[in-house]
Amino acid sequence: MFKNLPRLFLTACIVALSLPATEAQIAIKQSAIEPIMPDSIDVAEGAKKHFWRASGEVFGFNMGLWAFDRYVQKGDFAYISFKSIKKNFEVGFKWDNDKLGTNTFLHPYTGNLYFNAARSNGYSFWGSELFAIGGSAMWELFMEREYPSTNDVIATPIGGAAIGEMLFRASDACLDDRTTGHERFERELACFIISPMRGLNRIFTGAAWRHSATPGRLFGTPNIGIRLSAGYKMMAFQGRMRHMGYGGCVQIDLEYGDRFEVKSTKPYDYFTLRGELQVLKGQPMLNQLSIQGRLLAREFLEEHKSWASIGLYQDFNFYDSDTIKSLKKVPFKLGIPASVGVGLMFRDRPDRRYLFDAFLHVNGILLGSVLSDHYHADERNYNWASGFAIKAGINLVSGKYWALSASNEYYRLFSWAGYRYGVDPATSDYRLLNVQGDHSTAFFNVTDIRLDVQIHKHLYAAAEFTNYVRSTHYRDFPHVLSSTMALRIMAAYKF
């Protein structure tokens, strides 16, 4: 039993481990199987909408989570009443002070559950987003004693759509309703791990064990490239070697679909995922998670050796670090749960030996967050902000023998709803402190260079250097500039 689990859980590992690399495509993409279009029977069945079931699952999830918080965790915020609900409506929405990981990763993950309650009940990407908005609004207004959160009602549904569609498509690749026995169980288990709401719906409807003449996949067999890297990581803050961290790291890169296939305009027919887990003393396990999904695109160049396309993309970005005890400083923090923009992709093959890829994206950031040197209230040490991002990169590939990649991400973030000068956020009532943080303008820049050299078939040796730079201009405090470097020596396996 479970003989197929390694293959099936490879996709599941994307979720487990993504929980560095920057916004780019996998330089050397090795597709394990040829893409196959979905069966029309499966597509028709998957398009049947079930409103009441989807609504009941969103409502039931919120009630179950509240009951756990109230009766198991016994959290103060879960002791709700008609009086607390009335107070929520009277006070209205405010910026909250939870941790970065809670606000810009866990809340979007919860939004993914709302989203997939609808997505697995026949709703489209856009229709499922409405259920995510409704689920988030229900929780913020009715299910907590804390006042409704401005950032949560934005980050939960929008970030939830990015995570949700990515996981929905990943779970789809695991399914095959033609199978039985151990293999069928393993496939259904993998689907449940990746997308719990979809797994539950398959159990509720009996699809989890119903044998069929078709695979049951809504997206057929997609073109997927996966790169798994693991090795040794070193980090240095402000170039000070004595303030370095040493440890292990695991990276996952996923490219789903064809970056130059633009005949379909369905959201997330093409997306990329990048994530890194690390084991460094005093640092968070989840160091980085980036999702970039194409919403629509158009090809404007297709020649014998050159291709180019322009499209609209949704981005989700998360970078995290923690306090370096010897300095009592935090290197960087960045969360971008709500971002969309225009992207250009270009490819040129000058001869059979080389392939050149390049991309440029310009995004508007509706909601973002960046480390603050002065704002410390409850669990928050970062500013809420809006702004823009510019991302660019190149890949130079020689067959499947070696690849050199370079990319740069530039984020410009503005926080204007700040507290009055002289007020100490740490001693204020954080429940009433309705501010983005410090009055400030910040930029965060990530430069990444990576070299992969083939050792044997799909196995590569990789070296990667990343430089993180944060610069913040405060209205009421001196300007702060900091940099952090990371070097990784890894082995990479490309599927």
Protein backbone atom coordinates (compact mmCIF):
# COMPACT_ATOMS: atom_id res chain seq x y z
CA MET A 1 0.00 0.00 0.00
CA PHE A 2 1.01 3.64 -0.59
CA LYS A 3 3.45 2.66 -3.34
CA ASN A 4 2.28 5.64 -5.43
CA LEU A 5 2.41 8.17 -2.61
CA PRO A 6 5.85 9.61 -3.45
CA ARG A 7 4.67 10.55 -6.92
CA LEU A 8 1.27 11.82 -5.76
CA PHE A 9 2.58 13.67 -2.74
CA LEU A 10 5.18 15.49 -4.79
CA THR A 11 2.50 18.06 -5.48
CA ALA A 12 1.40 17.93 -1.86
CA CYS A 13 4.96 18.78 -0.84
CA ILE A 14 4.54 22.06 -2.67
CA VAL A 15 1.98 22.97 -0.07
CA ALA A 16 3.79 21.48 2.89
CA LEU A 17 7.11 23.08 2.05
CA SER A 18 5.83 26.42 0.77
CA LEU A 19 4.39 27.37 3.81
CA PRO A 20 15.40 32.00 -2.39
CA ALA A 21 14.27 32.51 -5.24
CA THR A 22 12.35 35.38 -6.67
CA GLU A 23 9.56 35.93 -9.19
CA ALA A 24 10.80 34.08 -12.24
CA GLN A 25 10.20 30.98 -14.27
CA ILE A 26 12.15 27.76 -13.85
CA ALA A 27 15.16 28.19 -16.11
CA ILE A 28 15.34 24.52 -17.10
CA LYS A 29 11.87 23.04 -17.24
CA GLN A 30 11.60 19.29 -17.61
CA SER A 31 8.01 18.16 -18.17
CA ALA A 32 7.36 14.63 -16.96
CA ILE A 33 4.30 14.17 -19.21
CA GLU A 34 2.75 15.77 -22.26
CA PRO A 35 -0.27 18.05 -21.64
CA ILE A 36 -3.68 16.46 -22.27
CA MET A 37 -6.93 18.43 -22.59
CA PRO A 38 -9.70 17.64 -20.07
CA ASP A 39 -12.59 15.38 -21.02
CA SER A 40 -15.75 17.35 -21.94
CA ILE A 41 -17.82 15.16 -19.57
CA ASP A 42 -15.62 16.14 -16.62
CA VAL A 43 -15.74 19.83 -17.56
CA ALA A 44 -19.54 19.80 -17.81
CA GLU A 45 -19.91 17.99 -14.48
CA GLY A 46 -17.49 20.34 -12.75
CA ALA A 47 -19.39 23.42 -13.98
CA LYS A 48 -22.62 22.49 -12.14
CA LYS A 49 -23.13 25.10 -9.41
CA HIS A 50 -24.36 24.17 -5.93
CA PHE A 51 -25.07 27.45 -4.14
CA TRP A 52 -26.54 26.14 -0.91
CA ARG A 53 -23.85 23.53 -0.40
CA ALA A 54 -21.09 26.09 -1.00
CA SER A 55 -22.75 28.65 1.30
CA GLY A 56 -23.30 26.02 3.98
CA GLU A 57 -19.65 25.02 3.90
CA VAL A 58 -18.47 28.63 4.30
CA PHE A 59 -20.93 29.18 7.16
CA GLY A 60 -20.13 25.82 8.75
CA PHE A 61 -16.38 26.41 8.58
CA ASN A 62 -16.72 29.77 10.35
CA MET A 63 -18.95 28.25 13.04
CA GLY A 64 -16.56 25.34 13.55
CA LEU A 65 -13.53 27.60 13.80
CA TRP A 66 -15.35 29.86 16.27
CA ALA A 67 -16.38 26.85 18.41
CA PHE A 68 -12.77 25.64 18.50
CA ASP A 69 -11.52 29.10 19.52
CA ARG A 70 -14.28 29.47 22.13
CA TYR A 71 -14.50 26.04 23.75
CA VAL A 72 -11.04 24.52 23.15
CA GLN A 73 -8.67 27.48 22.91
CA LYS A 74 -10.87 29.62 25.20
CA GLY A 75 -9.66 32.75 23.43
CA ASP A 76 -11.01 36.02 24.82
CA PHE A 77 -11.91 37.23 21.32
CA ALA A 78 -14.25 34.26 20.79
CA TYR A 79 -16.65 35.10 23.66
CA ILE A 80 -19.09 36.81 21.33
CA SER A 81 -22.61 38.07 22.10
CA PHE A 82 -25.30 40.21 20.49
CA LYS A 83 -23.72 43.13 22.34
CA SER A 84 -20.28 42.48 20.82
CA ILE A 85 -21.78 42.15 17.34
CA LYS A 86 -23.62 45.44 17.74
CA LYS A 87 -20.39 47.07 18.92
CA ASN A 88 -18.55 45.79 15.83
CA PHE A 89 -21.06 47.51 13.57
CA GLU A 90 -20.95 50.72 15.61
CA VAL A 91 -17.15 51.01 15.68
CA GLY A 92 -16.49 49.76 12.12
CA PHE A 93 -13.29 48.57 10.50
CA LYS A 94 -9.82 49.24 11.94
CA TRP A 95 -6.21 48.22 11.18
CA ASP A 96 -5.33 45.31 13.46
CA ASN A 97 -2.07 44.40 15.20
CA ASP A 98 -1.58 40.67 14.66
CA LYS A 99 1.71 39.10 13.58
CA LEU A 100 2.87 39.38 9.97
CA GLY A 101 2.48 35.63 9.40
CA THR A 102 -1.05 35.68 10.80
CA ASN A 103 -2.22 38.64 8.74
CA THR A 104 -0.48 38.05 5.42
CA PHE A 105 -0.24 34.25 5.29
CA LEU A 106 -2.71 32.51 7.64
CA HIS A 107 -5.63 34.82 6.84
CA PRO A 108 -5.15 34.36 3.07
CA TYR A 109 -4.90 30.61 3.67
CA THR A 110 -8.27 30.78 5.44
CA GLY A 111 -9.58 32.76 2.46
CA ASN A 112 -8.46 29.87 0.29
CA LEU A 113 -10.84 27.58 2.22
CA TYR A 114 -13.79 29.92 1.59
CA PHE A 115 -12.73 30.21 -2.04
CA ASN A 116 -12.46 26.46 -2.56
CA ALA A 117 -15.79 25.78 -0.85
CA ALA A 118 -17.28 27.50 -3.90
CA ARG A 119 -14.66 26.43 -6.46
CA SER A 120 -15.28 22.75 -5.72
CA ASN A 121 -19.03 23.36 -6.02
CA GLY A 122 -18.97 24.48 -9.63
CA TYR A 123 -18.14 28.18 -9.34
CA SER A 124 -15.57 29.95 -11.49
CA PHE A 125 -12.52 31.79 -10.21
CA TRP A 126 -14.43 35.08 -10.08
CA GLY A 127 -17.59 33.58 -8.61
CA SER A 128 -15.61 31.83 -5.89
CA GLU A 129 -14.04 35.14 -4.92
CA LEU A 130 -17.50 36.41 -3.90
CA PHE A 131 -17.82 33.54 -1.40
CA ALA A 132 -14.37 34.40 -0.01
CA ILE A 133 -15.48 38.00 0.49
CA GLY A 134 -18.67 36.84 2.20
CA GLY A 135 -16.88 34.40 4.48
CA SER A 136 -14.34 37.02 5.52
CA ALA A 137 -17.03 39.65 6.19
CA MET A 138 -19.04 37.18 8.29
CA TRP A 139 -16.01 36.40 10.46
CA GLU A 140 -14.94 40.01 10.92
CA LEU A 141 -18.40 41.36 11.79
CA PHE A 142 -19.97 38.50 13.76
CA MET A 143 -17.45 35.94 15.01
CA GLU A 144 -14.99 37.99 17.13
CA ARG A 145 -15.13 40.45 19.99
CA GLU A 146 -12.25 42.33 18.39
CA TYR A 147 -13.32 45.11 16.07
CA PRO A 148 -13.52 44.28 12.35
CA SER A 149 -10.15 44.39 10.62
CA THR A 150 -9.58 46.52 7.51
CA ASN A 151 -6.53 44.55 6.44
CA ASP A 152 -8.17 41.14 7.00
CA VAL A 153 -11.21 41.89 4.85
CA ILE A 154 -8.79 42.75 1.99
CA ALA A 155 -6.05 40.15 2.49
CA THR A 156 -8.32 37.17 3.24
CA PRO A 157 -10.36 37.08 -0.01
CA ILE A 158 -7.75 38.47 -2.43
CA GLY A 159 -4.77 36.53 -1.09
CA GLY A 160 -7.13 33.59 -0.60
CA ALA A 161 -7.94 33.55 -4.31
CA ALA A 162 -4.23 33.34 -5.21
CA ILE A 163 -3.55 30.49 -2.81
CA GLY A 164 -6.93 28.87 -3.46
CA GLU A 165 -6.76 28.63 -7.25
CA MET A 166 -3.18 27.39 -7.07
CA LEU A 167 -4.14 24.62 -4.63
CA PHE A 168 -7.34 23.78 -6.52
CA ARG A 169 -5.40 23.16 -9.72
CA ALA A 170 -2.68 21.25 -7.87
CA SER A 171 -5.30 18.97 -6.30
CA ASP A 172 -6.89 18.45 -9.72
CA ALA A 173 -3.64 16.98 -11.04
CA CYS A 174 -3.82 14.21 -8.40
CA LEU A 175 -7.25 12.89 -9.35
CA ASP A 176 -8.05 9.89 -11.53
CA ASP A 177 -11.56 8.50 -11.13
CA ARG A 178 -10.67 5.54 -13.34
CA THR A 179 -8.51 4.02 -10.61
CA THR A 180 -9.55 1.80 -7.69
CA GLY A 181 -8.08 0.26 -4.55
CA HIS A 182 -4.89 1.54 -2.96
CA GLU A 183 -4.04 3.89 -5.80
CA ARG A 184 -7.46 5.54 -5.64
CA PHE A 185 -7.16 6.01 -1.88
CA GLU A 186 -3.73 7.57 -2.25
CA ARG A 187 -4.94 9.98 -4.93
CA GLU A 188 -7.95 11.07 -2.87
CA LEU A 189 -5.77 11.53 0.21
CA ALA A 190 -3.34 13.72 -1.74
CA CYS A 191 -6.27 15.79 -3.04
CA PHE A 192 -7.60 16.23 0.50
CA ILE A 193 -4.22 17.33 1.88
CA ILE A 194 -3.72 19.91 -0.85
CA SER A 195 -7.29 21.23 -0.95
CA PRO A 196 -9.29 20.19 2.14
CA MET A 197 -12.55 21.74 0.93
CA ARG A 198 -12.36 19.91 -2.36
CA GLY A 199 -11.54 16.68 -0.57
CA LEU A 200 -14.55 17.11 1.73
CA ASN A 201 -16.85 17.82 -1.20
CA ARG A 202 -15.70 14.67 -2.95
CA ILE A 203 -16.55 12.73 0.22
CA PHE A 204 -19.93 14.48 0.63
CA THR A 205 -20.93 13.71 -2.97
CA GLY A 206 -19.44 10.22 -3.14
CA ALA A 207 -17.04 11.26 -5.92
CA ALA A 208 -14.12 10.09 -3.77
CA TRP A 209 -14.96 6.44 -4.45
CA ARG A 210 -17.18 6.58 -7.54
CA HIS A 211 -15.59 4.77 -10.48
CA SER A 212 -15.78 6.54 -13.83
CA ALA A 213 -14.67 6.12 -17.42
CA THR A 214 -13.05 9.59 -17.31
CA PRO A 215 -10.31 10.96 -14.99
CA GLY A 216 -12.57 13.53 -13.30
CA ARG A 217 -10.05 16.33 -13.85
CA LEU A 218 -11.28 19.79 -14.76
CA PHE A 219 -7.95 20.81 -16.30
CA GLY A 220 -6.79 17.59 -17.91
CA THR A 221 -3.11 16.79 -17.58
CA PRO A 222 -1.28 20.14 -17.44
CA ASN A 223 2.29 20.97 -18.35
CA ILE A 224 4.04 21.16 -14.96
CA GLY A 225 7.68 21.78 -14.13
CA ILE A 226 8.95 21.26 -10.58
CA ARG A 227 12.36 21.99 -9.07
CA LEU A 228 13.19 20.80 -5.56
CA SER A 229 16.39 22.21 -4.02
CA ALA A 230 17.97 21.46 -0.65
CA GLY A 231 21.25 22.39 0.95
CA TYR A 232 23.23 24.72 3.19
CA LYS A 233 22.35 28.36 3.83
CA MET A 234 24.30 31.28 5.32
CA MET A 235 22.83 34.69 6.20
CA ALA A 236 24.66 37.88 7.21
CA PHE A 237 23.09 41.13 8.43
CA GLN A 238 24.68 44.45 7.36
CA GLY A 239 27.67 42.52 6.03
CA ARG A 240 28.78 41.63 9.57
CA MET A 241 30.23 38.14 9.46
CA ARG A 242 29.92 37.73 13.22
CA HIS A 243 26.16 38.17 12.92
CA MET A 244 25.67 35.30 10.54
CA GLY A 245 23.21 32.46 10.65
CA TYR A 246 24.00 28.96 9.41
CA GLY A 247 21.61 26.13 8.68
CA GLY A 248 19.66 24.12 6.16
CA CYS A 249 17.10 25.19 3.58
CA VAL A 250 14.63 23.60 1.21
CA GLN A 251 13.23 25.39 -1.83
CA ILE A 252 10.33 24.48 -4.08
CA ASP A 253 9.73 25.99 -7.53
CA LEU A 254 6.64 25.13 -9.52
CA GLU A 255 5.69 26.29 -13.01
CA TYR A 256 2.19 25.31 -14.13
CA GLY A 257 1.15 25.65 -17.76
CA ASP A 258 2.89 27.20 -20.75
CA ARG A 259 4.19 30.72 -20.25
CA PHE A 260 3.66 31.47 -23.97
CA GLU A 261 0.37 29.62 -24.52
CA VAL A 262 -2.18 32.45 -24.44
CA LYS A 263 -5.13 30.99 -26.34
CA SER A 264 -7.01 30.55 -23.05
CA THR A 265 -7.87 33.53 -20.87
CA LYS A 266 -8.92 31.53 -17.80
CA PRO A 267 -7.26 32.76 -14.59
CA TYR A 268 -4.27 30.69 -13.52
CA ASP A 269 -3.95 28.60 -16.68
CA TYR A 270 -0.37 29.69 -16.09
CA PHE A 271 1.17 30.38 -12.67
CA THR A 272 4.43 30.05 -10.78
CA LEU A 273 5.07 29.21 -7.15
CA ARG A 274 8.26 29.78 -5.18
CA GLY A 275 8.80 28.92 -1.54
CA GLU A 276 11.58 28.38 0.97
CA LEU A 277 11.75 26.64 4.32
CA GLN A 278 14.82 27.14 6.48
CA VAL A 279 16.29 25.78 9.70
CA LEU A 280 18.30 28.69 11.12
CA LYS A 281 18.55 29.43 14.82
CA GLY A 282 16.18 32.21 15.86
CA GLN A 283 14.64 32.56 12.40
CA PRO A 284 11.14 31.57 11.18
CA MET A 285 10.80 28.30 9.32
CA LEU A 286 8.84 29.88 6.47
CA ASN A 287 11.23 32.38 4.90
CA GLN A 288 9.52 33.13 1.60
CA LEU A 289 6.42 32.35 -0.45
CA SER A 290 5.57 33.86 -3.84
CA ILE A 291 2.69 33.10 -6.18
CA GLN A 292 2.19 34.75 -9.54
CA GLY A 293 -0.90 33.82 -11.55
CA ARG A 294 -1.85 34.96 -15.04
CA LEU A 295 -5.40 36.30 -15.20
CA LEU A 296 -5.43 36.98 -18.96
CA ALA A 297 -2.85 37.46 -21.71
CA ARG A 298 -2.27 38.17 -25.37
CA GLU A 299 0.61 37.12 -27.58
CA PHE A 300 2.03 39.93 -29.72
CA LEU A 301 5.14 38.30 -31.16
CA GLU A 302 5.59 34.81 -32.57
CA GLU A 303 8.44 34.22 -34.96
CA HIS A 304 10.72 31.32 -35.75
CA LYS A 305 13.09 32.07 -32.86
CA SER A 306 11.29 34.68 -30.75
CA TRP A 307 8.08 34.85 -28.70
CA ALA A 308 6.54 37.59 -26.54
CA SER A 309 3.30 38.10 -24.64
CA ILE A 310 1.65 40.71 -22.44
CA GLY A 311 -0.79 39.89 -19.66
CA LEU A 312 -2.52 40.79 -16.43
CA TYR A 313 -1.11 38.98 -13.37
CA GLN A 314 -2.02 38.58 -9.71
CA ASP A 315 0.88 38.46 -7.25
CA PHE A 316 1.18 37.18 -3.67
CA ASN A 317 4.48 37.74 -1.83
CA PHE A 318 5.71 36.93 1.66
CA TYR A 319 9.23 37.41 3.08
CA ASP A 320 9.95 36.93 6.77
CA SER A 321 12.85 37.04 9.23
CA ASP A 322 13.09 37.48 12.98
CA THR A 323 15.20 39.23 15.60
CA ILE A 324 18.98 38.70 15.57
CA LYS A 325 19.55 38.41 19.30
CA SER A 326 23.12 39.74 19.32
CA LEU A 327 21.93 42.97 17.65
CA LYS A 328 18.32 43.06 18.82
CA LYS A 329 17.36 43.90 15.23
CA VAL A 330 15.02 42.34 12.68
CA PRO A 331 16.53 42.18 9.16
CA PHE A 332 13.33 42.43 7.08
CA LYS A 333 9.63 41.69 6.84
CA LEU A 334 7.36 42.04 3.81
CA GLY A 335 3.85 40.84 3.07
CA ILE A 336 1.97 41.60 -0.15
CA PRO A 337 -1.39 39.75 -0.10
CA ALA A 338 -3.21 41.99 -2.62
CA SER A 339 -1.37 43.00 -5.80
CA VAL A 340 -2.14 43.00 -9.53
CA GLY A 341 -0.33 44.36 -12.58
CA VAL A 342 0.85 44.07 -16.15
CA GLY A 343 3.56 41.63 -17.20
CA LEU A 344 5.70 41.17 -20.30
CA MET A 345 7.41 37.88 -21.18
CA PHE A 346 10.00 37.40 -23.91
CA ARG A 347 11.90 34.36 -25.23
CA ASP A 348 14.60 34.12 -27.86
CA ARG A 349 16.49 31.10 -29.16
CA PRO A 350 19.52 32.42 -31.12
CA ASP A 351 20.64 28.87 -31.95
CA ARG A 352 20.09 25.32 -30.79
CA ARG A 353 22.56 25.61 -27.95
CA TYR A 354 21.09 28.56 -26.04
CA LEU A 355 17.73 29.84 -24.86
CA PHE A 356 17.13 33.32 -23.48
CA ASP A 357 14.10 34.26 -21.31
CA ALA A 358 13.23 37.66 -19.87
CA PHE A 359 10.28 39.15 -18.01
CA LEU A 360 9.13 42.54 -16.68
CA HIS A 361 6.17 43.10 -14.35
CA VAL A 362 4.75 46.36 -12.98
CA ASN A 363 2.21 45.89 -10.16
CA GLY A 364 -0.09 48.09 -8.17
CA ILE A 365 -0.21 47.08 -4.48
CA LEU A 366 -3.60 47.53 -2.84
CA LEU A 367 -2.43 46.14 0.50
CA GLY A 368 1.12 45.49 1.65
CA SER A 369 3.20 45.52 4.80
CA VAL A 370 6.85 46.25 5.58
CA LEU A 371 9.03 46.16 8.70
CA SER A 372 8.93 49.19 11.02
CA ASP A 373 11.75 50.29 13.30
CA HIS A 374 9.43 52.16 15.67
CA TYR A 375 5.87 50.83 15.58
CA HIS A 376 5.43 48.08 18.18
CA ALA A 377 1.86 47.43 19.32
CA ASP A 378 0.62 44.08 20.62
CA GLU A 379 2.12 41.56 18.11
CA ARG A 380 2.79 43.94 15.23
CA ASN A 381 6.18 45.43 14.29
CA TYR A 382 5.41 46.45 10.70
CA ASN A 383 3.52 49.15 8.80
CA TRP A 384 0.48 48.61 6.61
CA ALA A 385 0.92 50.31 3.26
CA SER A 386 -0.01 50.60 -0.41
CA GLY A 387 2.23 51.29 -3.40
CA PHE A 388 3.74 49.58 -6.40
CA ALA A 389 6.32 46.96 -7.41
CA ILE A 390 8.63 46.47 -10.40
CA LYS A 391 9.99 42.99 -11.06
CA ALA A 392 12.39 41.93 -13.81
CA GLY A 393 14.59 38.96 -14.58
CA ILE A 394 16.47 36.93 -17.16
CA ASN A 395 17.38 33.28 -17.70
CA LEU A 396 20.21 32.09 -19.93
CA VAL A 397 20.03 28.34 -20.60
CA SER A 398 22.38 26.02 -22.43
CA GLY A 399 20.28 22.96 -23.29
CA LYS A 400 19.77 21.13 -20.02
CA TYR A 401 23.42 21.42 -19.01
CA TRP A 402 23.51 24.73 -17.17
CA ALA A 403 21.39 27.80 -16.49
CA LEU A 404 22.19 31.26 -15.16
CA SER A 405 19.30 33.26 -13.69
CA ALA A 406 19.15 36.82 -12.35
CA SER A 407 16.14 38.75 -11.05
CA ASN A 408 15.26 41.85 -9.09
CA GLU A 409 12.14 42.85 -7.15
CA TYR A 410 11.59 46.46 -6.12
CA TYR A 411 8.71 47.37 -3.78
CA ARG A 412 7.74 50.98 -2.98
CA LEU A 413 5.30 51.30 -0.09
CA PHE A 414 3.56 54.32 1.45
CA SER A 415 2.02 54.50 4.96
CA TRP A 416 0.03 57.70 5.51
CA ALA A 417 -2.43 56.93 8.34
CA GLY A 418 0.06 57.15 11.21
CA TYR A 419 -0.10 57.96 14.91
CA ARG A 420 0.63 61.40 16.33
CA TYR A 421 4.26 62.18 17.13
CA GLY A 422 4.93 61.57 20.83
CA VAL A 423 2.42 58.74 21.14
CA ASP A 424 3.94 55.42 22.20
CA PRO A 425 2.10 52.59 20.36
CA ALA A 426 3.45 50.04 22.84
CA THR A 427 1.57 51.66 25.75
CA SER A 428 -1.58 52.61 23.83
CA ASP A 429 -4.78 50.58 23.68
CA TYR A 430 -4.01 48.59 20.53
CA ARG A 431 -7.71 47.79 20.02
CA LEU A 432 -8.39 51.48 19.43
CA LEU A 433 -5.10 52.37 17.72
CA ASN A 434 -6.50 52.59 14.20
CA VAL A 435 -3.32 53.37 12.21
CA GLN A 436 -1.24 51.87 9.43
CA GLY A 437 1.85 52.46 11.55
CA ASP A 438 4.52 55.15 11.11
CA HIS A 439 4.15 58.00 8.64
CA SER A 440 6.75 56.69 6.19
CA THR A 441 7.86 55.79 2.68
CA ALA A 442 9.80 52.57 2.33
CA PHE A 443 11.39 50.51 -0.38
CA PHE A 444 12.31 46.85 -0.19
CA ASN A 445 14.56 45.35 -2.86
CA VAL A 446 15.43 41.69 -3.48
CA THR A 447 18.23 40.82 -5.91
CA ASP A 448 18.80 37.17 -6.71
CA ILE A 449 21.44 35.37 -8.82
CA ARG A 450 21.48 31.61 -9.31
CA LEU A 451 23.62 29.12 -11.24
CA ASP A 452 22.53 25.54 -11.94
CA VAL A 453 24.96 23.00 -13.44
CA GLN A 454 23.89 19.52 -14.46
CA ILE A 455 25.49 16.62 -12.60
CA HIS A 456 23.45 13.71 -13.91
CA LYS A 457 20.24 13.83 -15.95
CA HIS A 458 17.72 15.65 -13.70
CA LEU A 459 20.19 16.31 -10.86
CA TYR A 460 21.95 19.69 -10.62
CA ALA A 461 24.40 21.49 -8.38
CA ALA A 462 23.16 24.99 -7.55
CA ALA A 463 24.61 28.13 -5.98
CA GLU A 464 22.36 31.08 -5.18
CA PHE A 465 23.07 34.55 -3.79
CA THR A 466 20.32 36.88 -2.56
CA ASN A 467 20.59 40.43 -1.27
CA TYR A 468 17.72 42.04 0.65
CA VAL A 469 17.80 45.83 1.07
CA ARG A 470 15.28 47.89 3.06
CA SER A 471 15.23 51.68 3.16
CA THR A 472 12.61 53.59 5.16
CA HIS A 473 12.16 57.37 5.30
CA TYR A 474 10.14 58.32 8.38
CA ARG A 475 8.36 61.63 8.85
CA ASP A 476 9.14 61.78 12.56
CA PHE A 477 12.31 59.67 12.85
CA PRO A 478 15.72 59.35 11.13
CA HIS A 479 16.04 57.41 7.87
CA VAL A 480 16.95 53.71 8.26
CA LEU A 481 18.86 51.63 5.71
CA SER A 482 19.68 47.95 6.20
CA SER A 483 20.82 45.02 4.08
CA THR A 484 20.92 41.26 4.50
CA MET A 485 22.80 38.75 2.35
CA ALA A 486 22.08 35.06 1.90
CA LEU A 487 24.19 32.40 0.18
CA ARG A 488 22.95 28.89 -0.55
CA ILE A 489 24.83 25.84 -1.81
CA MET A 490 22.31 23.20 -2.87
CA ALA A 491 21.53 20.11 -4.85
CA ALA A 492 18.50 20.49 -7.12
CA TYR A 493 16.30 17.89 -8.77
CA LYS A 494 14.20 19.00 -11.75
CA PHE A 495 11.13 17.08 -12.84
